[in-house]
Amino acid sequence: MPQLPSGRHVSISPDRVYAMADQFRADLAIALAGVEKEPNGVLHFLNVVYYQPADESPTSDRPNLGNPFVSDLMASHIATDECDWSEADKKFFMEWINSDRTQQFLRSVRAEIQERFKNAEVPESLRGIMDGD
């Protein structure tokens, strides 16, 4: 989890895409097949996770303080105008994405999605969409 120059702590979460893969979403399979060749193509499916400041205690009107929360912002949007972060934060995040450790994580996410698709109930007409069959 990187800490951006602004002080914000963020990460990326594959939970949503894993849940979709478990249910075999044909639209997801087709979309993933389309971005599989892009090194960071899986970023289109990973939500950005924000971490509330841990130095504040939860209150009744802000019960999630100190806890992570999954945003609607996709990791692929960080380097675009869809993200309202500062340029320094965007640059730092993309450097983190391109680091060896994060790239290994992204490879493991792709492999996990493919594995989940293999174990999911797949309509006969779509078999092999993710494995080149």
C-alpha atoms as a PDB file:
ATOM      1  CA  MET A   1       0.000   0.000   0.000  1.00  0.00           C
ATOM      2  CA  PRO A   2       1.721   3.169  -1.111  1.00  0.00           C
ATOM      3  CA  GLN A   3       1.519   6.488   0.643  1.00  0.00           C
ATOM      4  CA  LEU A   4       1.087   9.163  -2.002  1.00  0.00           C
ATOM      5  CA  PRO A   5       2.894  12.507  -1.829  1.00  0.00           C
ATOM      6  CA  SER A   6      -0.358  14.060  -0.569  1.00  0.00           C
ATOM      7  CA  GLY A   7      -0.212  11.712   2.435  1.00  0.00           C
ATOM      8  CA  ARG A   8      -3.152   9.609   1.244  1.00  0.00           C
ATOM      9  CA  HIS A   9      -2.795   5.822   1.610  1.00  0.00           C
ATOM     10  CA  VAL A  10      -4.249   3.745  -1.227  1.00  0.00           C
ATOM     11  CA  SER A  11      -4.146   0.266  -2.699  1.00  0.00           C
ATOM     12  CA  ILE A  12      -5.942  -1.741  -5.367  1.00  0.00           C
ATOM     13  CA  SER A  13      -8.457  -4.500  -4.843  1.00  0.00           C
ATOM     14  CA  PRO A  14      -9.279  -7.472  -7.062  1.00  0.00           C
ATOM     15  CA  ASP A  15     -12.250  -8.507  -4.878  1.00  0.00           C
ATOM     16  CA  ARG A  16     -14.940  -7.255  -7.260  1.00  0.00           C
ATOM     17  CA  VAL A  17     -13.412  -8.906 -10.313  1.00  0.00           C
ATOM     18  CA  TYR A  18     -12.868 -12.159  -8.379  1.00  0.00           C
ATOM     19  CA  ALA A  19     -16.540 -12.201  -7.390  1.00  0.00           C
ATOM     20  CA  MET A  20     -17.514 -11.610 -11.010  1.00  0.00           C
ATOM     21  CA  ALA A  21     -15.215 -14.406 -12.178  1.00  0.00           C
ATOM     22  CA  ASP A  22     -16.728 -16.796  -9.618  1.00  0.00           C
ATOM     23  CA  GLN A  23     -20.149 -16.147 -11.129  1.00  0.00           C
ATOM     24  CA  PHE A  24     -18.772 -16.334 -14.685  1.00  0.00           C
ATOM     25  CA  ARG A  25     -19.815 -13.051 -16.144  1.00  0.00           C
ATOM     26  CA  ALA A  26     -19.584 -13.421 -19.918  1.00  0.00           C
ATOM     27  CA  ASP A  27     -19.132  -9.665 -20.320  1.00  0.00           C
ATOM     28  CA  LEU A  28     -16.139  -9.818 -17.979  1.00  0.00           C
ATOM     29  CA  ALA A  29     -14.609 -12.769 -19.814  1.00  0.00           C
ATOM     30  CA  ILE A  30     -14.917 -10.988 -23.140  1.00  0.00           C
ATOM     31  CA  ALA A  31     -13.545  -7.728 -21.727  1.00  0.00           C
ATOM     32  CA  LEU A  32     -10.622  -9.495 -20.051  1.00  0.00           C
ATOM     33  CA  ALA A  33      -9.814 -11.365 -23.238  1.00  0.00           C
ATOM     34  CA  GLY A  34      -9.624  -7.985 -24.970  1.00  0.00           C
ATOM     35  CA  VAL A  35      -7.099  -6.490 -22.539  1.00  0.00           C
ATOM     36  CA  GLU A  36      -5.123  -9.643 -21.776  1.00  0.00           C
ATOM     37  CA  LYS A  37      -2.253  -8.568 -24.044  1.00  0.00           C
ATOM     38  CA  GLU A  38      -1.848  -5.202 -22.277  1.00  0.00           C
ATOM     39  CA  PRO A  39       0.659  -5.428 -19.406  1.00  0.00           C
ATOM     40  CA  ASN A  40      -1.605  -3.344 -17.170  1.00  0.00           C
ATOM     41  CA  GLY A  41      -4.895  -4.311 -18.802  1.00  0.00           C
ATOM     42  CA  VAL A  42      -6.210  -5.839 -15.605  1.00  0.00           C
ATOM     43  CA  LEU A  43      -6.196  -2.330 -14.048  1.00  0.00           C
ATOM     44  CA  HIS A  44      -9.515  -1.740 -15.844  1.00  0.00           C
ATOM     45  CA  PHE A  45     -11.060  -4.182 -13.352  1.00  0.00           C
ATOM     46  CA  LEU A  46      -9.374  -3.223 -10.071  1.00  0.00           C
ATOM     47  CA  ASN A  47     -10.934  -0.727  -7.699  1.00  0.00           C
ATOM     48  CA  VAL A  48      -8.817   1.798  -5.823  1.00  0.00           C
ATOM     49  CA  VAL A  49      -9.015   1.349  -2.057  1.00  0.00           C
ATOM     50  CA  TYR A  50      -8.665   4.369   0.219  1.00  0.00           C
ATOM     51  CA  TYR A  51      -7.559   4.144   3.823  1.00  0.00           C
ATOM     52  CA  GLN A  52      -9.007   6.553   6.330  1.00  0.00           C
ATOM     53  CA  PRO A  53      -6.503   8.241   8.635  1.00  0.00           C
ATOM     54  CA  ALA A  54      -5.716   5.807  11.429  1.00  0.00           C
ATOM     55  CA  ASP A  55      -4.915   8.598  13.874  1.00  0.00           C
ATOM     56  CA  GLU A  56      -8.601   9.500  14.187  1.00  0.00           C
ATOM     57  CA  SER A  57     -11.161   7.446  16.071  1.00  0.00           C
ATOM     58  CA  PRO A  58     -14.476   6.440  14.511  1.00  0.00           C
ATOM     59  CA  THR A  59     -17.456   8.590  15.424  1.00  0.00           C
ATOM     60  CA  SER A  60     -21.179   8.098  14.917  1.00  0.00           C
ATOM     61  CA  ASP A  61     -21.178  10.345  11.858  1.00  0.00           C
ATOM     62  CA  ARG A  62     -17.854   8.918  10.514  1.00  0.00           C
ATOM     63  CA  PRO A  63     -17.914   5.231  11.524  1.00  0.00           C
ATOM     64  CA  ASN A  64     -15.345   4.081   8.953  1.00  0.00           C
ATOM     65  CA  LEU A  65     -12.396   6.122  10.172  1.00  0.00           C
ATOM     66  CA  GLY A  66      -9.293   3.983  10.233  1.00  0.00           C
ATOM     67  CA  ASN A  67     -10.821   1.382   7.908  1.00  0.00           C
ATOM     68  CA  PRO A  68     -10.209   0.779   4.224  1.00  0.00           C
ATOM     69  CA  PHE A  69     -13.030   1.470   1.807  1.00  0.00           C
ATOM     70  CA  VAL A  70     -13.336   0.441  -1.801  1.00  0.00           C
ATOM     71  CA  SER A  71     -14.011   3.357  -4.109  1.00  0.00           C
ATOM     72  CA  ASP A  72     -15.714   3.431  -7.489  1.00  0.00           C
ATOM     73  CA  LEU A  73     -12.454   4.707  -8.990  1.00  0.00           C
ATOM     74  CA  MET A  74     -10.779   2.091 -11.149  1.00  0.00           C
ATOM     75  CA  ALA A  75      -6.995   1.805 -11.132  1.00  0.00           C
ATOM     76  CA  SER A  76      -6.937   2.408 -14.891  1.00  0.00           C
ATOM     77  CA  HIS A  77      -8.461   5.868 -14.354  1.00  0.00           C
ATOM     78  CA  ILE A  78      -5.591   7.184 -12.238  1.00  0.00           C
ATOM     79  CA  ALA A  79      -3.519   8.409 -15.178  1.00  0.00           C
ATOM     80  CA  THR A  80      -6.542  10.064 -16.837  1.00  0.00           C
ATOM     81  CA  ASP A  81      -8.657  13.165 -16.343  1.00  0.00           C
ATOM     82  CA  GLU A  82     -11.279  10.961 -14.645  1.00  0.00           C
ATOM     83  CA  CYS A  83      -9.098  11.083 -11.542  1.00  0.00           C
ATOM     84  CA  ASP A  84      -8.980  14.339  -9.576  1.00  0.00           C
ATOM     85  CA  TRP A  85      -5.704  13.533  -7.819  1.00  0.00           C
ATOM     86  CA  SER A  86      -2.734  15.860  -8.053  1.00  0.00           C
ATOM     87  CA  GLU A  87      -0.231  15.164 -10.807  1.00  0.00           C
ATOM     88  CA  ALA A  88       2.340  14.193  -8.166  1.00  0.00           C
ATOM     89  CA  ASP A  89      -0.035  11.595  -6.687  1.00  0.00           C
ATOM     90  CA  LYS A  90      -0.887  10.220 -10.134  1.00  0.00           C
ATOM     91  CA  LYS A  91       2.774   9.931 -11.078  1.00  0.00           C
ATOM     92  CA  PHE A  92       3.698   8.235  -7.804  1.00  0.00           C
ATOM     93  CA  PHE A  93       0.797   5.779  -8.105  1.00  0.00           C
ATOM     94  CA  MET A  94       1.749   4.837 -11.674  1.00  0.00           C
ATOM     95  CA  GLU A  95       5.371   4.318 -10.606  1.00  0.00           C
ATOM     96  CA  TRP A  96       4.076   2.016  -7.871  1.00  0.00           C
ATOM     97  CA  ILE A  97       1.911   0.164 -10.423  1.00  0.00           C
ATOM     98  CA  ASN A  98       4.943  -0.341 -12.659  1.00  0.00           C
ATOM     99  CA  SER A  99       7.180  -1.565  -9.827  1.00  0.00           C
ATOM    100  CA  ASP A 100       8.311  -5.192  -9.975  1.00  0.00           C
ATOM    101  CA  ARG A 101       6.374  -6.128  -6.857  1.00  0.00           C
ATOM    102  CA  THR A 102       3.078  -4.654  -8.082  1.00  0.00           C
ATOM    103  CA  GLN A 103       3.544  -6.130 -11.563  1.00  0.00           C
ATOM    104  CA  GLN A 104       3.991  -9.549  -9.940  1.00  0.00           C
ATOM    105  CA  PHE A 105       0.771  -8.955  -8.010  1.00  0.00           C
ATOM    106  CA  LEU A 106      -1.050  -8.021 -11.251  1.00  0.00           C
ATOM    107  CA  ARG A 107       0.219 -11.210 -12.916  1.00  0.00           C
ATOM    108  CA  SER A 108      -1.081 -13.226  -9.970  1.00  0.00           C
ATOM    109  CA  VAL A 109      -4.472 -11.483 -10.213  1.00  0.00           C
ATOM    110  CA  ARG A 110      -4.733 -12.388 -13.921  1.00  0.00           C
ATOM    111  CA  ALA A 111      -3.782 -15.991 -13.142  1.00  0.00           C
ATOM    112  CA  GLU A 112      -6.338 -16.153 -10.321  1.00  0.00           C
ATOM    113  CA  ILE A 113      -9.087 -14.802 -12.577  1.00  0.00           C
ATOM    114  CA  GLN A 114      -8.271 -17.404 -15.201  1.00  0.00           C
ATOM    115  CA  GLU A 115      -8.291 -20.143 -12.573  1.00  0.00           C
ATOM    116  CA  ARG A 116     -11.658 -19.009 -11.258  1.00  0.00           C
ATOM    117  CA  PHE A 117     -13.054 -18.978 -14.790  1.00  0.00           C
ATOM    118  CA  LYS A 118     -11.838 -22.555 -15.268  1.00  0.00           C
ATOM    119  CA  ASN A 119     -13.771 -23.607 -12.161  1.00  0.00           C
ATOM    120  CA  ALA A 120     -16.919 -21.606 -12.943  1.00  0.00           C
ATOM    121  CA  GLU A 121     -20.029 -22.795 -14.729  1.00  0.00           C
ATOM    122  CA  VAL A 122     -19.316 -21.602 -18.260  1.00  0.00           C
ATOM    123  CA  PRO A 123     -21.854 -21.725 -21.079  1.00  0.00           C
ATOM    124  CA  GLU A 124     -20.664 -24.168 -23.739  1.00  0.00           C
ATOM    125  CA  SER A 125     -20.557 -21.437 -26.395  1.00  0.00           C
ATOM    126  CA  LEU A 126     -18.002 -19.474 -24.357  1.00  0.00           C
ATOM    127  CA  ARG A 127     -15.676 -22.288 -23.267  1.00  0.00           C
ATOM    128  CA  GLY A 128     -12.022 -21.479 -23.894  1.00  0.00           C
ATOM    129  CA  ILE A 129     -12.482 -17.722 -24.196  1.00  0.00           C
ATOM    130  CA  MET A 130      -9.728 -17.013 -21.658  1.00  0.00           C
ATOM    131  CA  ASP A 131      -7.315 -19.798 -22.556  1.00  0.00           C
ATOM    132  CA  GLY A 132      -7.071 -19.503 -26.336  1.00  0.00           C
ATOM    133  CA  ASP A 133      -8.934 -22.779 -27.071  1.00  0.00           C
END
